[in-house]
Structures are given as C-alpha cells and as structure tokens.
Protein backbone atom coordinates (compact mmCIF):
# COMPACT_ATOMS: atom_id res chain seq x y z
CA UNK A 1 62.42 57.24 75.07
CA UNK A 2 64.74 54.85 72.83
CA UNK A 3 65.42 51.51 74.97
CA UNK A 4 69.23 51.86 76.30
CA UNK A 5 71.33 49.36 75.22
CA UNK A 6 72.75 46.91 77.49
CA UNK A 7 76.69 46.68 77.26
CA UNK A 8 78.07 44.13 79.97
CA UNK A 9 81.29 42.04 78.56
CA UNK A 10 83.20 42.44 80.90
CA UNK A 11 80.49 40.91 83.75
CA UNK A 12 79.62 37.66 81.23
CA UNK A 13 83.59 36.94 81.22
CA UNK A 14 83.51 37.34 84.99
CA UNK A 15 80.15 34.69 85.29
CA UNK A 16 81.84 32.53 83.24
CA UNK A 17 85.04 32.31 84.50
CA UNK A 18 83.46 31.79 87.89
CA UNK A 19 81.44 28.98 86.78
CA UNK A 20 84.78 27.28 85.11
CA UNK A 21 83.13 27.36 81.18
CA UNK A 22 85.04 27.46 77.90
CA UNK A 23 82.71 30.43 76.18
CA UNK A 24 81.85 27.48 73.52
CA UNK A 25 80.38 26.20 76.49
CA UNK A 26 78.57 28.77 78.28
CA UNK A 27 77.04 29.41 74.38
CA UNK A 28 75.67 26.53 74.54
CA UNK A 29 74.08 27.15 77.79
CA UNK A 30 72.64 30.62 76.58
CA UNK A 31 71.87 29.35 73.29
CA UNK A 32 73.53 31.43 71.15
CA UNK A 33 76.39 30.78 69.23
CA UNK A 34 79.97 31.25 70.08
CA UNK A 35 80.44 33.75 67.76
CA UNK A 36 77.78 36.05 69.10
CA UNK A 37 78.49 35.38 72.57
CA UNK A 38 82.27 36.86 71.49
CA UNK A 39 81.19 40.02 70.21
CA UNK A 40 78.94 40.43 73.30
CA UNK A 41 81.72 39.56 76.03
CA UNK A 42 84.33 42.28 73.47
CA UNK A 43 81.43 45.23 73.94
CA UNK A 44 80.79 44.24 70.17
CA UNK A 45 77.36 43.53 70.37
CA UNK A 46 74.80 44.73 72.84
CA UNK A 47 74.11 41.38 75.78
CA UNK A 48 70.33 39.71 73.74
CA UNK A 49 67.37 39.47 75.91
CA UNK A 50 67.69 35.43 75.33
CA UNK A 51 71.03 35.66 77.45
CA UNK A 52 69.38 38.22 79.93
CA UNK A 53 66.18 35.03 80.26
CA UNK A 54 69.02 32.56 79.84
CA UNK A 55 71.21 33.90 82.46
CA UNK A 56 68.36 33.95 85.04
CA UNK A 57 67.12 30.45 84.26
CA UNK A 58 70.21 28.72 83.88
CA UNK A 59 72.18 30.33 86.82
CA UNK A 60 69.43 32.04 88.83
CA UNK A 61 71.89 35.03 88.40
CA UNK A 62 70.37 38.42 89.31
CA UNK A 63 69.98 39.69 85.91
CA UNK A 64 70.04 44.05 87.41
CA UNK A 65 73.68 44.15 88.23
CA UNK A 66 74.49 43.10 84.67
CA UNK A 67 74.04 47.15 84.04
CA UNK A 68 75.99 47.65 87.98
CA UNK A 69 79.84 47.05 89.19
CA UNK A 70 82.43 48.75 88.87
CA UNK A 71 82.72 50.80 85.79
CA UNK A 72 80.65 54.46 87.62
CA UNK A 73 83.25 53.97 90.12
CA UNK A 74 86.08 53.36 87.47
CA UNK A 75 85.20 56.39 85.63
CA UNK A 76 84.91 59.12 88.52
CA UNK A 77 87.93 57.75 90.11
CA UNK A 78 89.67 58.10 86.21
CA UNK A 79 88.99 61.82 85.75
CA UNK A 80 89.73 62.03 88.98
CA UNK A 81 92.61 61.51 88.66
CA UNK A 82 93.76 62.34 85.00
CA UNK A 83 92.52 65.82 86.56
CA UNK A 84 96.35 65.80 87.99
CA UNK A 85 98.35 68.84 86.66
CA UNK A 86 100.74 66.14 85.88
CA UNK A 87 98.67 65.13 82.64
CA UNK A 88 98.45 69.04 81.00
CA UNK A 89 96.01 68.77 78.35
CA UNK A 90 95.82 65.38 77.75
CA UNK A 91 93.09 63.73 79.38
CA UNK A 92 91.12 61.91 77.07
CA UNK A 93 87.55 62.20 76.89
CA UNK A 94 84.74 60.99 78.34
CA UNK A 95 83.81 58.83 76.11
CA UNK A 96 86.99 57.07 76.01
CA UNK A 97 87.00 56.71 79.67
CA UNK A 98 83.90 54.67 79.93
CA UNK A 99 84.69 52.55 76.61
CA UNK A 100 88.60 52.02 79.22
CA UNK A 101 86.12 50.78 82.48
CA UNK A 102 83.97 48.71 80.62
CA UNK A 103 86.41 46.69 78.34
CA UNK A 104 89.31 47.10 80.44
CA UNK A 105 89.13 47.17 83.72
CA UNK A 106 92.31 45.51 84.85
CA UNK A 107 93.69 48.06 82.65
CA UNK A 108 91.86 51.11 84.53
CA UNK A 109 92.49 49.71 88.06
CA UNK A 110 96.40 49.21 87.22
CA UNK A 111 96.69 52.68 86.27
CA UNK A 112 94.91 53.83 89.29
CA UNK A 113 97.22 52.42 90.91
CA UNK A 114 100.06 53.84 89.27
CA UNK A 115 99.00 56.76 89.67
CA UNK A 116 98.38 56.76 93.47
CA UNK A 117 101.81 54.96 93.38
CA UNK A 118 102.95 58.81 91.49
CA UNK A 119 101.04 60.69 93.93
CA UNK A 120 103.10 59.65 96.71
CA UNK A 121 106.18 59.83 95.59
CA UNK A 122 105.51 63.07 94.69
CA UNK A 123 104.20 64.48 98.28
CA UNK A 124 107.34 62.30 99.85
CA UNK A 125 109.91 64.20 97.55
CA UNK A 126 107.83 67.81 98.27
CA UNK A 127 108.19 66.94 102.03
CA UNK A 128 111.46 65.60 102.08
CA UNK A 129 110.13 62.99 104.52
CA UNK A 130 112.36 59.92 105.98
CA UNK A 131 111.23 57.53 102.94
CA UNK A 132 113.59 59.44 100.69
CA UNK A 133 116.25 57.28 99.80
CA UNK A 134 115.56 54.42 101.35
CA UNK A 135 115.73 51.05 99.55
CA UNK A 136 112.97 49.62 100.82
CA UNK A 137 110.38 51.77 100.24
CA UNK A 138 107.86 50.53 97.88
CA UNK A 139 105.56 52.28 95.78
CA UNK A 140 102.28 51.00 97.45
CA UNK A 141 98.85 52.06 98.38
CA UNK A 142 98.83 53.99 102.27
CA UNK A 143 97.40 50.61 104.23
CA UNK A 144 94.15 52.95 105.05
CA UNK A 145 94.15 53.87 101.07
CA UNK A 146 93.80 50.65 100.15
CA UNK A 147 91.12 48.91 102.60
CA UNK A 148 89.00 51.89 101.74
CA UNK A 149 89.23 50.72 97.87
CA UNK A 150 88.16 46.76 98.95
CA UNK A 151 85.38 48.24 100.66
CA UNK A 152 84.11 50.73 98.13
CA UNK A 153 84.13 48.33 94.98
CA UNK A 154 82.85 45.66 96.95
CA UNK A 155 79.71 47.75 97.20
CA UNK A 156 80.31 47.66 100.92
CA UNK A 157 78.45 45.13 101.29
CA UNK A 158 80.10 41.60 102.45
CA UNK A 159 77.96 38.48 101.13
CA UNK A 160 80.00 36.21 103.66
CA UNK A 161 79.88 38.45 106.80
CA UNK A 162 76.11 40.11 106.00
CA UNK A 163 74.74 36.77 106.25
CA UNK A 164 76.58 35.79 109.52
CA UNK A 165 75.22 38.59 111.62
CA UNK A 166 72.69 37.80 110.07
CA UNK A 167 72.29 34.30 111.44
CA UNK A 168 73.81 35.69 115.18
CA UNK A 169 71.14 37.92 115.58
CA UNK A 170 68.58 35.39 114.42
CA UNK A 171 70.19 32.95 117.15
CA UNK A 172 70.01 35.65 119.55
CA UNK A 173 66.19 37.00 119.79
CA UNK A 174 65.61 34.81 122.67
CA UNK A 175 67.92 37.47 124.85
CA UNK A 176 65.50 40.51 125.90
CA UNK A 177 67.75 42.35 123.70
CA UNK A 178 71.40 41.74 121.12
CA UNK A 179 73.15 43.65 123.52
CA UNK A 180 72.41 41.18 126.50
CA UNK A 181 73.12 38.64 123.84
CA UNK A 182 76.15 40.18 123.64
CA UNK A 183 76.76 39.83 126.83
CA UNK A 184 76.10 36.19 127.26
CA UNK A 185 77.66 35.40 124.11
CA UNK A 186 81.07 37.46 125.41
CA UNK A 187 80.62 34.99 129.26
CA UNK A 188 79.85 31.93 127.21
CA UNK A 189 83.92 32.55 125.61
CA UNK A 190 84.72 32.75 129.42
CA UNK A 191 85.11 36.92 128.50
CA UNK A 192 84.06 39.02 131.71
CA UNK A 193 82.26 42.39 130.54
CA UNK A 194 83.14 45.73 132.70
CA UNK A 195 81.73 49.20 132.35
CA UNK A 196 83.69 52.12 133.73
CA UNK A 197 84.41 55.74 133.65
CA UNK A 198 87.12 54.79 131.49
CA UNK A 199 88.08 57.53 128.16
CA UNK A 200 88.85 54.31 125.52
CA UNK A 201 85.61 53.13 124.02
CA UNK A 202 86.85 49.65 123.91
CA UNK A 203 89.92 47.77 125.89
CA UNK A 204 89.96 44.19 125.37
CA UNK A 205 92.97 42.34 127.84
CA UNK A 206 93.46 39.13 125.99
CA UNK A 207 95.84 37.73 129.27
CA UNK A 208 92.71 38.29 131.44
CA UNK A 209 90.11 38.04 128.67
CA UNK A 210 88.73 41.24 130.17
CA UNK A 211 86.59 43.74 128.35
CA UNK A 212 86.05 46.87 129.34
CA UNK A 213 83.62 49.25 127.30
CA UNK A 214 83.75 52.97 128.63
CA UNK A 215 80.09 53.73 130.46
CA UNK A 216 79.91 57.34 129.01
CA UNK A 217 79.39 55.97 125.72
CA UNK A 218 75.99 56.27 124.10
CA UNK A 219 74.06 52.84 124.85
CA UNK A 220 74.20 52.35 120.59
CA UNK A 221 77.87 52.42 121.14
CA UNK A 222 78.31 50.15 123.62
CA UNK A 223 76.26 47.27 121.58
CA UNK A 224 78.19 48.59 118.63
CA UNK A 225 81.72 47.71 120.69
CA UNK A 226 80.42 44.77 122.13
CA UNK A 227 79.08 42.97 119.13
CA UNK A 228 82.82 44.16 117.72
CA UNK A 229 84.27 41.97 120.69
CA UNK A 230 82.00 39.28 118.88
CA UNK A 231 83.06 39.54 115.34
CA UNK A 232 86.94 39.17 116.28
CA UNK A 233 86.65 36.08 118.77
CA UNK A 234 83.92 34.50 117.79
CA UNK A 235 83.96 35.17 113.85
CA UNK A 236 88.02 35.15 113.00
CA UNK A 237 88.00 31.90 110.28
CA UNK A 238 85.15 33.59 108.62
CA UNK A 239 86.53 37.14 108.75
CA UNK A 240 90.57 35.23 108.38
CA UNK A 241 89.43 33.67 105.20
CA UNK A 242 87.62 37.12 103.90
CA UNK A 243 90.78 38.77 104.40
CA UNK A 244 92.81 35.93 102.17
CA UNK A 245 90.94 36.17 99.27
CA UNK A 246 91.61 40.28 99.52
CA UNK A 247 95.16 39.77 99.21
CA UNK A 248 96.17 43.04 101.30
CA UNK A 249 100.00 43.67 100.42
CA UNK A 250 100.56 44.60 103.81
CA UNK A 251 100.37 43.12 107.41
CA UNK A 252 98.48 47.00 108.05
CA UNK A 253 96.12 47.07 105.71
CA UNK A 254 95.55 43.34 106.59
CA UNK A 255 94.70 44.88 109.68
CA UNK A 256 92.99 47.64 109.46
CA UNK A 257 90.34 45.17 106.82
CA UNK A 258 90.05 42.54 109.51
CA UNK A 259 88.64 45.70 112.16
CA UNK A 260 86.63 47.03 109.34
CA UNK A 261 85.48 43.37 108.94
CA UNK A 262 83.97 43.41 112.39
CA UNK A 263 82.24 46.55 112.40
CA UNK A 264 80.68 45.24 109.96
CA UNK A 265 79.52 42.14 111.74
CA UNK A 266 78.27 44.19 114.48
CA UNK A 267 76.70 46.89 111.73
CA UNK A 268 74.61 44.02 110.35
CA UNK A 269 74.16 42.06 113.99
CA UNK A 270 72.45 45.64 114.97
CA UNK A 271 69.77 45.37 112.19
CA UNK A 272 70.13 42.30 110.58
CA UNK A 273 69.15 42.34 106.91
CA UNK A 274 65.90 40.59 106.12
CA UNK A 275 64.28 42.59 108.70
CA UNK A 276 66.03 46.02 108.66
CA UNK A 277 65.49 46.23 104.58
CA UNK A 278 61.45 45.55 105.57
CA UNK A 279 61.69 47.98 108.23
CA UNK A 280 63.11 50.83 105.88
CA UNK A 281 60.66 49.71 103.20
CA UNK A 282 57.72 50.52 105.78
CA UNK A 283 58.69 53.79 107.69
CA UNK A 284 59.64 54.93 104.28
CA UNK A 285 63.55 54.52 105.60
CA UNK A 286 62.83 57.60 108.52
CA UNK A 287 66.04 57.36 110.11
CA UNK A 288 64.70 58.16 113.21
CA UNK A 289 61.91 55.85 113.59
CA UNK A 290 64.48 53.04 113.29
CA UNK A 291 66.98 55.01 115.07
CA UNK A 292 64.41 54.06 117.65
CA UNK A 293 63.29 50.45 116.71
CA UNK A 294 67.00 48.58 115.81
CA UNK A 295 68.70 50.72 118.92
CA UNK A 296 71.59 52.09 117.07
CA UNK A 297 72.14 55.87 115.95
CA UNK A 298 71.07 57.94 113.22
CA UNK A 299 74.45 57.49 111.42
CA UNK A 300 75.00 54.03 111.82
CA UNK A 301 71.59 53.37 110.44
CA UNK A 302 72.18 55.84 107.64
CA UNK A 303 75.15 53.91 106.96
CA UNK A 304 73.62 50.48 106.58
CA UNK A 305 70.95 52.06 104.72
CA UNK A 306 73.59 52.59 102.20
CA UNK A 307 74.84 48.61 102.33
CA UNK A 308 71.35 47.22 101.54
CA UNK A 309 72.77 45.21 98.07
CA UNK A 310 71.56 42.08 98.53
CA UNK A 311 72.12 40.35 94.99
CA UNK A 312 67.97 39.23 94.27
CA UNK A 313 67.34 41.82 97.21
CA UNK A 314 68.54 45.07 97.08
CA UNK A 315 66.97 47.74 99.21
CA UNK A 316 67.67 51.92 97.47
CA UNK A 317 70.57 52.04 96.30
CA UNK A 318 72.15 55.24 98.44
CA UNK A 319 75.37 57.62 98.60
CA UNK A 320 76.68 57.65 102.36
CA UNK A 321 79.26 60.44 103.87
CA UNK A 322 81.00 61.76 106.47
CA UNK A 323 83.06 64.75 106.65
CA UNK A 324 84.39 67.17 109.16
CA UNK A 325 84.03 70.84 109.86
CA UNK A 326 87.29 71.38 107.34
CA UNK A 327 84.84 69.44 104.63
CA UNK A 328 87.24 66.35 104.46
CA UNK A 329 85.48 63.56 103.89
CA UNK A 330 86.49 60.43 106.15
CA UNK A 331 83.52 58.26 105.41
CA UNK A 332 82.12 57.61 102.00
CA UNK A 333 80.50 55.69 99.92
CA UNK A 334 77.79 54.92 97.03
CA UNK A 335 75.64 52.51 95.08
CA UNK A 336 74.70 55.99 92.71
CA UNK A 337 76.54 56.93 89.98
CA UNK A 338 77.50 59.69 92.35
CA UNK A 339 81.02 59.25 93.41
CA UNK A 340 83.32 61.30 95.41
CA UNK A 341 86.15 63.00 95.62
CA UNK A 342 89.62 60.97 96.36
CA UNK A 343 91.41 64.02 96.98
CA UNK A 344 89.74 66.65 98.76
CA UNK A 345 86.53 67.62 100.04
CA UNK A 346 83.32 67.36 99.13
CA UNK A 347 81.50 70.03 96.52
CA UNK A 348 80.89 72.53 99.61
CA UNK A 349 77.77 73.42 97.34
CA UNK A 350 76.48 70.23 98.96
CA UNK A 351 73.75 70.93 102.08
CA UNK A 352 76.26 68.40 103.97
CA UNK A 353 78.05 71.40 104.94
CA UNK A 354 75.49 73.74 106.37
CA UNK A 355 74.30 71.15 108.64
CA UNK A 356 76.79 72.36 111.28
CA UNK A 357 75.06 75.34 111.49
CA UNK A 358 71.73 73.86 112.05
CA UNK A 359 72.14 70.63 115.11
CA UNK A 360 69.16 68.42 115.26
CA UNK A 361 67.67 69.08 112.25
CA UNK A 362 67.39 67.21 108.72
CA UNK A 363 68.45 69.32 106.28
CA UNK A 364 67.36 68.23 102.49
CA UNK A 365 68.41 69.21 99.03
CA UNK A 366 67.12 69.04 95.23
CA UNK A 367 70.48 68.89 93.93
CA UNK A 368 72.25 68.07 90.00
CA UNK A 369 75.32 66.57 89.04
CA UNK A 370 77.35 68.18 85.96
CA UNK A 371 75.74 64.84 84.21
CA UNK A 372 72.46 65.65 84.38
CA UNK A 373 71.53 63.47 86.98
CA UNK A 374 69.62 64.85 89.88
CA UNK A 375 69.22 63.71 93.33
CA UNK A 376 67.83 64.16 96.81
CA UNK A 377 69.82 64.46 99.91
CA UNK A 378 69.73 64.44 103.79
CA UNK A 379 72.11 65.54 106.23
CA UNK A 380 71.98 66.58 109.75
CA UNK A 381 74.91 67.16 112.29
CA UNK A 382 76.39 64.02 114.32
CA UNK A 383 78.94 65.90 116.69
CA UNK A 384 79.42 63.56 119.22
CA UNK A 385 80.52 65.09 122.82
CA UNK A 386 83.13 63.06 125.14
CA UNK A 387 80.91 62.78 127.81
CA UNK A 388 81.78 64.43 130.56
CA UNK A 389 83.44 68.52 130.99
CA UNK A 390 86.65 69.73 129.38
CA UNK A 391 86.25 66.70 126.14
CA UNK A 392 86.32 67.62 123.36
CA UNK A 393 83.23 67.12 121.57
CA UNK A 394 84.23 65.42 117.83
CA UNK A 395 82.26 67.48 114.81
CA UNK A 396 81.01 65.15 111.96
CA UNK A 397 78.06 66.01 110.01
CA UNK A 398 76.33 63.31 107.20
CA UNK A 399 74.46 63.08 104.19
CA UNK A 400 72.35 59.80 103.04
CA UNK A 401 70.84 60.41 99.09
CA UNK A 402 69.81 58.89 96.61
CA UNK A 403 68.35 59.30 92.64
CA UNK A 404 64.96 61.01 92.38
CA UNK A 405 63.55 58.11 90.95
CA UNK A 406 63.18 56.26 93.92
CA UNK A 407 62.22 59.85 96.37
CA UNK A 408 58.52 58.02 96.30
CA UNK A 409 60.49 55.32 98.95
CA UNK A 410 61.66 58.58 100.91
CA UNK A 411 59.25 60.03 103.50
CA UNK A 412 61.96 63.32 103.39
CA UNK A 413 60.40 63.64 100.01
CA UNK A 414 56.76 64.74 100.83
CA UNK A 415 55.89 68.24 99.69
CA UNK A 416 58.55 68.49 97.94
CA UNK A 417 58.85 69.78 94.24
CA UNK A 418 60.56 67.84 91.64
CA UNK A 419 58.91 69.44 88.71
CA UNK A 420 60.80 73.02 88.70
CA UNK A 421 64.23 72.67 87.13
CA UNK A 422 65.23 75.79 89.93
CA UNK A 423 64.48 73.66 92.82
CA UNK A 424 67.44 71.74 91.84
CA UNK A 425 70.70 72.72 93.38
CA UNK A 426 73.76 72.35 90.87
CA UNK A 427 76.41 70.89 92.69
CA UNK A 428 79.85 68.91 91.57
CA UNK A 429 82.30 66.24 92.57
CA UNK A 430 85.46 68.03 92.55
CA UNK A 431 86.49 71.36 91.63
CA UNK A 432 88.88 70.58 88.70
CA UNK A 433 86.58 67.50 87.09
CA UNK A 434 83.40 69.77 87.43
CA UNK A 435 82.52 71.18 84.38
CA UNK A 436 79.96 74.01 85.09
CA UNK A 437 81.43 77.49 84.02
CA UNK A 438 79.54 79.75 86.46
CA UNK A 439 79.62 78.54 89.73
CA UNK A 440 80.48 80.86 92.54
CA UNK A 441 82.28 78.50 95.06
CA UNK A 442 84.98 77.23 92.70
CA UNK A 443 88.76 77.38 94.21
CA UNK A 444 90.02 76.16 91.42
CA UNK A 445 89.92 76.01 87.58
CA UNK A 446 88.70 72.69 85.73
CA UNK A 447 91.30 71.46 84.28
CA UNK A 448 89.37 70.30 80.72
CA UNK A 449 88.64 74.43 80.21
CA UNK A 450 90.22 76.49 78.35
CA UNK A 451 90.96 80.32 80.65
CA UNK A 452 91.04 83.30 79.31
CA UNK A 453 92.37 86.60 81.71
CA UNK A 454 90.68 90.41 81.11
CA UNK A 455 92.31 92.32 83.07
CA UNK A 456 89.65 95.39 82.96
CA UNK A 457 86.79 93.13 83.90
CA UNK A 458 86.33 91.13 87.26
CA UNK A 459 83.53 88.92 87.94
CA UNK A 460 82.83 86.07 90.70
CA UNK A 461 86.06 84.50 89.81
CA UNK A 462 89.19 85.95 88.63
CA UNK A 463 89.04 83.86 85.05
CA UNK A 464 86.85 83.11 82.52
CA UNK A 465 86.08 79.63 81.35
CA UNK A 466 86.07 78.88 77.17
C-alpha cells in the first residue's frame, strides 16, 4: 500500500502563530528553506519527515495531531449543510470540500455559520413566531448550538479543566472515596449538604449556602452532582478563564457552557485521566468493570472514554452518542471520521435504535459507512426511572464505537468475524447526504443523486436512484 502524503498547512500555520514566530524564524528552527515552508503552509507540498522530526525534537509537539483536527468534522458539517434543498444541484464535489476544510478552515466555519443563520431565519418565517419584525432580532446560533459546537471542535477534551480535576482527585485520595471527599470539601467551604426525597437532583441555595440532593437518585448521580457543585464553587476562576477564551456570543451560551464545563470537571474527577486510561487499557474497555471500579454509571464511563484525547497520552478514538426513543440525538461526540448529523436523527440501521428492545443487554455491531471505513459499535439502553411510583421514565440508549483497527483493544470484539465483508452492516449519516442506492430504510432521496420515476415499477422505494 502506498504511503499517504500528509498535508497539514493550516496546522503548521496554527503552530507557528501560537509560538509567535515569523515564517523565516520558524523555517530556520525546522531546518527547511523559507519557500519550502511557505509551500507546506499553503498545502502545495506535503509535510516532510524532516519537519515532523523537528516539530517533535525542537518544540516537543505531538506529531500525531498533524493528521487530525477539524478537517473531517468540517467536511461532514459542510456536506450536511449543502444537502439543504436551497442549494439545488450546485453542491461542490467532496474533493473540493476537503480542500476547503484543509486550506481555509475559517472560511468553512463562516459558511456553516451563514447557513445556520439562514436556517434559523427560515424557521422563524415558517412558524410566524415572535421574532418576526423585531428590530433587535439577530442572526446567531442558538445558545445550545453554540455550546455544542464549542465542545465539538475542542475534540470534547478541555485540557486545563481535565488536569484540574485530576489534581483534585489526587488531593482527595486520602478520603474513603470521591463522594465523601466532595462532601468534606463543600463543608470546608461552609456549604451544608442535605439529602431529601425531592424531585430536583440538585438545588443550591446561595443565601443559606445549602446544597440539597435527591436521595432517590442513583449513588453515581449524587456523586456527580456533588462534584458539579465543587467545580462551580472551587473552580470558578478556571471555568471563567476558559469561557473568556471561547468568546460566546450571548450570556445564555456562556451560562450553558459554564455548566457544561462543571459537568466535565465532575466526570474527570470521578474518572481521573491517567488512572482511568490505564484501567481502560487493562480491562480492554469493559464498561461494566470500569463502572464498578470508578463508581460511575455505564453512560458516564462511555462518555469519559470519548474524551481521552490528551496530547501525548491519547486513548482509543471513540465516537459516543445518546439518542431518545424518537431517534433524536441528545449527546454526540466523535474522535473518529464518523460524524453525526447536526439536524435530525441517526441512521435507522444503526444498532443504537435496537437497544430499546433489549434492556440490560449490550448489542454489538460491525458497520461500514459509505466512505468505506469500518467500525465496531456497542449499544445499550440507559433508561432512567424517576425513583418512585408514578414518576416518568426517561428513555435513552447510548452507542460507543471505534474504527475496527482498534478492535483488539476492546473486549467486545472477541469472537467477532472481521474477515467477511457481509458481516459489516451498511450504515449512513443522514439520508440527504448518504450515497447508498439500495437502502430499504431511506426516508428521503439523497440530493446528490438524480431520481428516476417509473409508474409501472414499484420496488422498496417509489423511485430509483441513478
């Protein structure tokens, strides 16, 4: 197999900018000529072996990051945006999108922001909501979308918060467990912790400095919420500094992101990076063993596995998703090439939808996306009861998976047959951008294919894709 050339111009420019070096100085430190560096930064030449070694030796740079980044996410997001009927048949070729994502990532993000603004304006007009005619209405992403994109493009790993949580866990190691350590920490801060038969999982009374937690919630949920409050009180400066760098467009987005960072801290404190990574490798990512070892739920374990992307100490690159019974994606993250649809639900051929039918079981699936990449996926039901008779049950299912290249690191891959092509089920991302012509579960035609209608012929679909 021919060695794939590495084009990483945008990443090289970003490294140079962060170091505060001119092209001339950067070229000298890398041991290449100025014109050669200029060609690499503009993706006219691939990154040479000399440059890769110099980045590692001169700057201690994790060279594995050169082949990663936002490009695949941007390509996936642009393809989905361009599947909007407003573009008709004018959608660029996939090769053009990859060039844009690699060479002009800022332009790609600006395009996505423009399309998002268009979608929101269109929805306002269609529903005749109160935003119509308001002079102060602004075309901006919703706070929820803005925060989701923040974590999405940070690779779901926030280094400063993760390391602070790991340090907190180390300081708390003298306590019997992280739960008692959190209660003790809050007590030293002057906060009284009470457990009551209440519906809200967590309520903090600022005036009385009293934290009330639901005794009906599972122990791992109580621990998580205790640590969220520890983060909001004891790590406030760190959270605010991280939010300042993110530059959110609204106070609502900043507030949502702050809670998201507090949640991140809580998960990272329950499952400290180094210890958790070592345990994950030792148990071959057995979710139940890890759950018992760290006192966390299976969902918390799966979510944490998807964040192990610390430079120089990365874990298996997983995708993680949570869906409700309608197929709506409520949580999503991917450190793999597989990127989830930003609008609508997940592919119906994916095993995550079948998990609702088999509560208490782990479903395994070998799958292949239209780009030919093969994955191993694990799905299970994680529905949550309200804790008492008559309380509603929140029904969710999660999926965790990775490229089959990493299958040997997963206990769930044992005894699965990776040699047969037929063992891999064909899945897609979104019907509008899925290229498969023979999918029996297709909901709408792909916009990149022409349709052929024959009144005398009716197959699985009422049309044929040319």
